Amino acid sequence: MKTKPFLTSLTALALAACNSDKPTGTSTSAGSGEPLVTQPVERPANGDWSTVVTPTTAGGFLMGDPKAKVQLIEFGSMTCPACGQFDETGVQPLIDKYVKTGQVGFEFRNYVRDPFDLAAALVARCNGAQGFFPLTRALYKDQANWLQRLSNISPEQQQALQNLPPQQQFLEVAKLAGFQQWAAMRGVPTAKSTSCLSNEQEVNRLVQMTSDAGSQFDVPGTPSFVINGKLVDPPERGKSNWESLEAKLRAALGS
């Protein structure tokens, strides 16, 4: 899949609603039939499963026990304010109450809606598994600031982005958003983030993950959640994403 043509369709994806994988050594998500991880995962010595983060065969990163009774997938967009709100209000209780204890495996899969979203995801993924969740959560915490910078991009700058070679497009977006300086302050050297932002293979991985979200789970927007291979219904009116999701997690756990 080529990068440059997809940049245009990524822009179109910005209009998407922001709403509210078994070979040896792998683990399978309950109910999905797909292998989750391709390497053995040992129980942490301290018993805290939130310290274990593993890449998944789908392209995401899984925090916790890949053999837990309940496997939760979040499809999240870095540019989606509702995803930022879920991170602020729901992710920490999810980790503290369910992931640390090994009851729930929590996988995050990036859902890229536009070039800015994709650039942010490339930065979040740049330090690999152990850096993914801290960087992702820090980007959500700072989301309002960098979205404001990106909102000031002129039509001329947007057109210039479209005309850049594929290897330069997301690097330029990152410069406009201030991502590289931001990442350098959090342990990602500028030379490394430059390489990550120019990595066409990783770009295509993110594009494929977004496409798979639709073809496999019919994901309607972000954030969306899958529990044991089944897409979760949107929250009822008046309920937050976390309130609704926690009730479904408890039901899946039988508690």
Foldseek 3Di string as FASTA:
>chain_A
DDQLVVQVVLQVLLPFDLDLADDPQFADQFQAHHTFADHHDDQDPVLFQQQDWGQTPLGWIKGADSNALKEKEWEAFLLRLLRLVCLVPPPVCCRVPARGNRNYIYIYAYARRHLLRLLLQLLLCLVHGNSNVVSSNVSSVCNVQLVVLVVPDDPVNVVVLSPDPSLCNSVVSCVSSVVLVVSVVVPQHNVSSSCSSRDVVSSVSNVVSNVCCCVQAVDRHPGWMDMSSHTDDRDDPPDRRNVRVVVVSCVSSVD
